[in-house]
Amino acid sequence: MPENSVQTDLDADMLSPRVLTFRAALKWFTPVWRDIEILETQTLVALHRAIQRAFVWYDDHLYSFFLSGREWDADSDYTKPLDREEEDLFKHNPFVKKPKSAAIPLRQLQLRKGQRIAYVYDFGDNISISLHLREIAPAKRVRYPRIVALRGFSPEQYNYVQGKYSPRINRRLRAGMLPIVRVEKSGKREDDILLEWSDTGGRNREE
């Protein structure tokens, strides 16, 4: 095979993004996880937004990813991008280390299959999720990020710290097992599936 043909194939491999499949597992009293596919050219910010959508939360708090898998590990922390005022604080205080921004493509992080990442959302309630990189594969012609599978009911965001579901979800839990749901095979829209398996609004519902 000609040398320039080999180089062309290598260039194509570099230009063709791969898709990473993360299992986002909530630290909860019942099994609750969501499988998320995301391109390696997309950022940790995009992954954060996909997690928020997957669990039907409000994306109204700070968050951080810890690539070591250990929560609050400052050496591996990638956090919510700073706004202009926050950037100015670090400019005028050289003795405070500026956090690394989550606005970084996943490809640059050199993640490996099997790696576990800690994700913490809402630094008051400390909602903890373990991210497990389960698969790295060629991308398909679909829109990413996307949620491809799930199990369990996601708790309403502000009920997380109380460790409870609404009565509506508790009744469903008592009724049977928690199946693994494959989004494509369900025949339903992704958003409809996520709402069906969430407790959003449960704290405001009279039951």
Protein backbone atom coordinates (compact mmCIF):
# COMPACT_ATOMS: atom_id res chain seq x y z
CA MET A 1 0.00 0.00 0.00
CA PRO A 2 1.41 3.45 -0.89
CA GLU A 3 2.69 5.51 2.01
CA ASN A 4 0.43 8.46 1.19
CA SER A 5 -2.60 6.11 1.30
CA VAL A 6 -1.66 4.98 4.81
CA GLN A 7 -1.31 8.61 5.90
CA THR A 8 -4.72 9.44 4.42
CA ASP A 9 -6.32 6.63 6.44
CA LEU A 10 -4.63 7.87 9.62
CA ASP A 11 -5.81 11.42 8.96
CA ALA A 12 -9.37 10.16 8.43
CA ASP A 13 -9.24 8.30 11.76
CA MET A 14 -8.11 11.49 13.50
CA LEU A 15 -10.85 13.57 11.86
CA SER A 16 -13.67 11.08 12.50
CA PRO A 17 -14.81 11.56 16.09
CA ARG A 18 -15.59 8.57 18.25
CA VAL A 19 -18.53 8.31 20.59
CA LEU A 20 -18.07 7.70 24.31
CA THR A 21 -20.73 5.89 26.32
CA PHE A 22 -20.92 6.86 29.99
CA ARG A 23 -23.10 5.20 32.60
CA ALA A 24 -24.18 7.94 34.99
CA ALA A 25 -25.15 6.20 38.23
CA LEU A 26 -26.77 8.16 41.03
CA LYS A 27 -25.81 7.43 44.61
CA TRP A 28 -29.32 6.52 45.75
CA PHE A 29 -31.26 3.88 47.68
CA THR A 30 -32.61 2.22 44.51
CA PRO A 31 -30.79 1.53 41.22
CA VAL A 32 -30.87 4.76 39.18
CA TRP A 33 -28.65 5.17 36.13
CA ARG A 34 -28.65 6.64 32.65
CA ASP A 35 -26.42 5.65 29.71
CA ILE A 36 -25.26 8.72 27.78
CA GLU A 37 -23.51 8.77 24.41
CA ILE A 38 -21.41 11.82 23.58
CA LEU A 39 -18.84 12.67 20.91
CA GLU A 40 -15.23 12.98 22.01
CA THR A 41 -15.17 16.38 20.25
CA GLN A 42 -17.85 17.67 22.62
CA THR A 43 -17.00 19.15 25.99
CA LEU A 44 -17.51 18.35 29.65
CA VAL A 45 -20.04 21.21 29.62
CA ALA A 46 -22.04 19.26 27.02
CA LEU A 47 -21.77 16.15 29.18
CA HIS A 48 -23.01 18.12 32.20
CA ARG A 49 -26.03 19.34 30.23
CA ALA A 50 -26.75 15.80 29.06
CA ILE A 51 -26.67 14.59 32.68
CA GLN A 52 -29.09 17.33 33.69
CA ARG A 53 -31.45 16.36 30.88
CA ALA A 54 -31.10 12.66 31.65
CA PHE A 55 -32.19 13.12 35.27
CA VAL A 56 -34.68 15.90 34.46
CA TRP A 57 -33.01 18.46 36.73
CA TYR A 58 -32.90 22.23 36.48
CA ASP A 59 -29.22 23.06 35.75
CA ASP A 60 -29.25 25.94 38.23
CA HIS A 61 -26.18 25.18 40.37
CA LEU A 62 -22.42 24.79 40.21
CA TYR A 63 -20.86 21.47 39.23
CA SER A 64 -17.49 19.78 38.88
CA PHE A 65 -16.01 16.69 37.25
CA PHE A 66 -13.16 14.89 39.02
CA LEU A 67 -11.24 12.72 36.56
CA SER A 68 -9.55 10.73 39.33
CA GLY A 69 -12.93 9.43 40.43
CA ARG A 70 -12.44 11.02 43.87
CA GLU A 71 -14.81 13.82 44.82
CA TRP A 72 -13.14 17.14 45.69
CA ASP A 73 -9.78 16.03 44.29
CA ALA A 74 -8.45 19.48 43.31
CA ASP A 75 -5.76 18.07 41.01
CA SER A 76 -8.32 16.43 38.69
CA ASP A 77 -11.13 18.99 39.01
CA TYR A 78 -12.81 20.50 35.93
CA THR A 79 -15.56 22.90 36.92
CA LYS A 80 -18.30 25.09 35.50
CA PRO A 81 -16.77 27.81 33.28
CA LEU A 82 -16.30 31.10 35.09
CA ASP A 83 -18.20 34.23 34.12
CA ARG A 84 -16.38 37.53 33.55
CA GLU A 85 -16.69 38.74 37.14
CA GLU A 86 -15.35 35.44 38.47
CA GLU A 87 -12.45 35.58 36.00
CA ASP A 88 -11.58 39.05 37.31
CA LEU A 89 -11.38 37.74 40.87
CA PHE A 90 -8.56 35.37 39.89
CA LYS A 91 -6.77 38.07 37.89
CA HIS A 92 -6.53 40.23 41.00
CA ASN A 93 -5.70 37.40 43.39
CA PRO A 94 -2.66 35.50 42.07
CA PHE A 95 -2.41 33.45 45.26
CA VAL A 96 -5.68 31.60 44.54
CA LYS A 97 -5.43 28.82 41.98
CA LYS A 98 -7.85 29.21 39.09
CA PRO A 99 -9.91 26.04 38.52
CA LYS A 100 -9.72 24.21 35.21
CA SER A 101 -12.73 24.85 32.98
CA ALA A 102 -15.18 22.15 31.93
CA ALA A 103 -15.27 23.85 28.51
CA ILE A 104 -12.71 21.35 27.23
CA PRO A 105 -13.27 18.67 24.56
CA LEU A 106 -13.33 15.14 25.92
CA ARG A 107 -10.73 14.12 23.32
CA GLN A 108 -8.14 16.32 25.07
CA LEU A 109 -8.63 14.51 28.39
CA GLN A 110 -7.26 11.20 27.02
CA LEU A 111 -9.95 9.18 28.75
CA ARG A 112 -9.70 5.40 28.67
CA LYS A 113 -12.35 2.71 28.56
CA GLY A 114 -13.27 1.64 32.07
CA GLN A 115 -12.31 4.99 33.64
CA ARG A 116 -14.51 6.30 36.44
CA ILE A 117 -15.16 10.00 36.92
CA ALA A 118 -16.86 11.65 39.88
CA TYR A 119 -19.46 14.32 39.11
CA VAL A 120 -20.85 16.59 41.83
CA TYR A 121 -23.76 18.95 41.19
CA ASP A 122 -25.13 21.58 43.59
CA PHE A 123 -22.35 22.19 46.09
CA GLY A 124 -24.92 22.71 48.85
CA ASP A 125 -26.75 19.40 48.51
CA ASN A 126 -23.77 17.62 46.88
CA ILE A 127 -25.67 15.47 44.38
CA SER A 128 -23.14 12.74 43.56
CA ILE A 129 -22.97 10.73 40.34
CA SER A 130 -20.41 8.13 39.33
CA LEU A 131 -19.57 8.21 35.61
CA HIS A 132 -18.23 4.97 34.15
CA LEU A 133 -16.80 5.09 30.62
CA ARG A 134 -18.20 1.81 29.33
CA GLU A 135 -17.55 2.02 25.59
CA ILE A 136 -15.59 3.91 22.93
CA ALA A 137 -16.85 3.30 19.41
CA PRO A 138 -17.24 4.90 15.97
CA ALA A 139 -19.93 7.58 15.85
CA LYS A 140 -23.21 7.08 14.02
CA ARG A 141 -25.12 9.64 11.97
CA VAL A 142 -27.28 10.77 14.89
CA ARG A 143 -27.39 13.80 17.13
CA TYR A 144 -25.21 13.71 20.25
CA PRO A 145 -25.29 13.77 23.21
CA ARG A 146 -28.15 11.33 23.58
CA ILE A 147 -29.53 9.06 26.29
CA VAL A 148 -29.69 5.47 25.07
CA ALA A 149 -30.72 3.44 28.12
CA LEU A 150 -31.88 3.93 31.69
CA ARG A 151 -32.97 2.22 34.85
CA GLY A 152 -34.87 3.54 37.84
CA PHE A 153 -36.69 6.75 38.69
CA SER A 154 -34.62 9.93 38.93
CA PRO A 155 -35.49 11.80 42.12
CA GLU A 156 -36.75 15.35 41.96
CA GLN A 157 -33.68 17.56 42.33
CA TYR A 158 -34.62 19.18 45.63
CA ASN A 159 -35.78 15.90 47.15
CA TYR A 160 -32.34 14.35 46.65
CA VAL A 161 -30.90 15.61 49.92
CA GLN A 162 -33.96 14.24 51.77
CA GLY A 163 -33.44 10.82 50.18
CA LYS A 164 -37.03 10.27 49.23
CA TYR A 165 -39.49 9.95 46.36
CA SER A 166 -43.00 11.32 46.07
CA PRO A 167 -45.92 8.99 47.01
CA ARG A 168 -46.63 8.53 43.30
CA ILE A 169 -43.20 6.99 42.67
CA ASN A 170 -43.29 4.96 45.89
CA ARG A 171 -46.51 3.33 44.73
CA ARG A 172 -44.88 2.41 41.42
CA LEU A 173 -41.86 0.96 43.22
CA ARG A 174 -44.07 -1.25 45.36
CA ALA A 175 -45.83 -2.48 42.22
CA GLY A 176 -42.86 -4.29 40.73
CA MET A 177 -39.28 -4.45 39.46
CA LEU A 178 -37.25 -1.74 37.77
CA PRO A 179 -36.61 -2.78 34.15
CA ILE A 180 -33.74 -1.62 31.97
CA VAL A 181 -35.26 0.64 29.29
CA ARG A 182 -33.63 0.93 25.85
CA VAL A 183 -34.71 4.26 24.41
CA GLU A 184 -34.57 3.30 20.71
CA LYS A 185 -36.50 0.06 21.29
CA SER A 186 -39.18 1.77 23.39
CA GLY A 187 -40.80 3.43 20.39
CA LYS A 188 -41.12 6.66 22.42
CA ARG A 189 -39.41 10.04 22.22
CA GLU A 190 -36.37 10.46 24.44
CA ASP A 191 -37.91 13.34 26.40
CA ASP A 192 -41.11 11.38 27.02
CA ILE A 193 -39.16 8.39 28.34
CA LEU A 194 -37.09 10.60 30.67
CA LEU A 195 -40.19 12.29 32.08
CA GLU A 196 -41.91 8.94 32.57
CA TRP A 197 -38.97 7.73 34.66
CA SER A 198 -38.50 10.87 36.74
CA ASP A 199 -40.05 12.31 39.89
CA THR A 200 -39.92 15.90 38.66
CA GLY A 201 -42.62 17.96 40.31
CA GLY A 202 -43.30 15.28 42.91
CA ARG A 203 -42.63 17.66 45.80
CA ASN A 204 -45.37 20.02 44.58
CA ARG A 205 -48.00 17.40 43.77
CA GLU A 206 -50.88 16.78 46.13
CA GLU A 207 -51.44 13.01 46.33
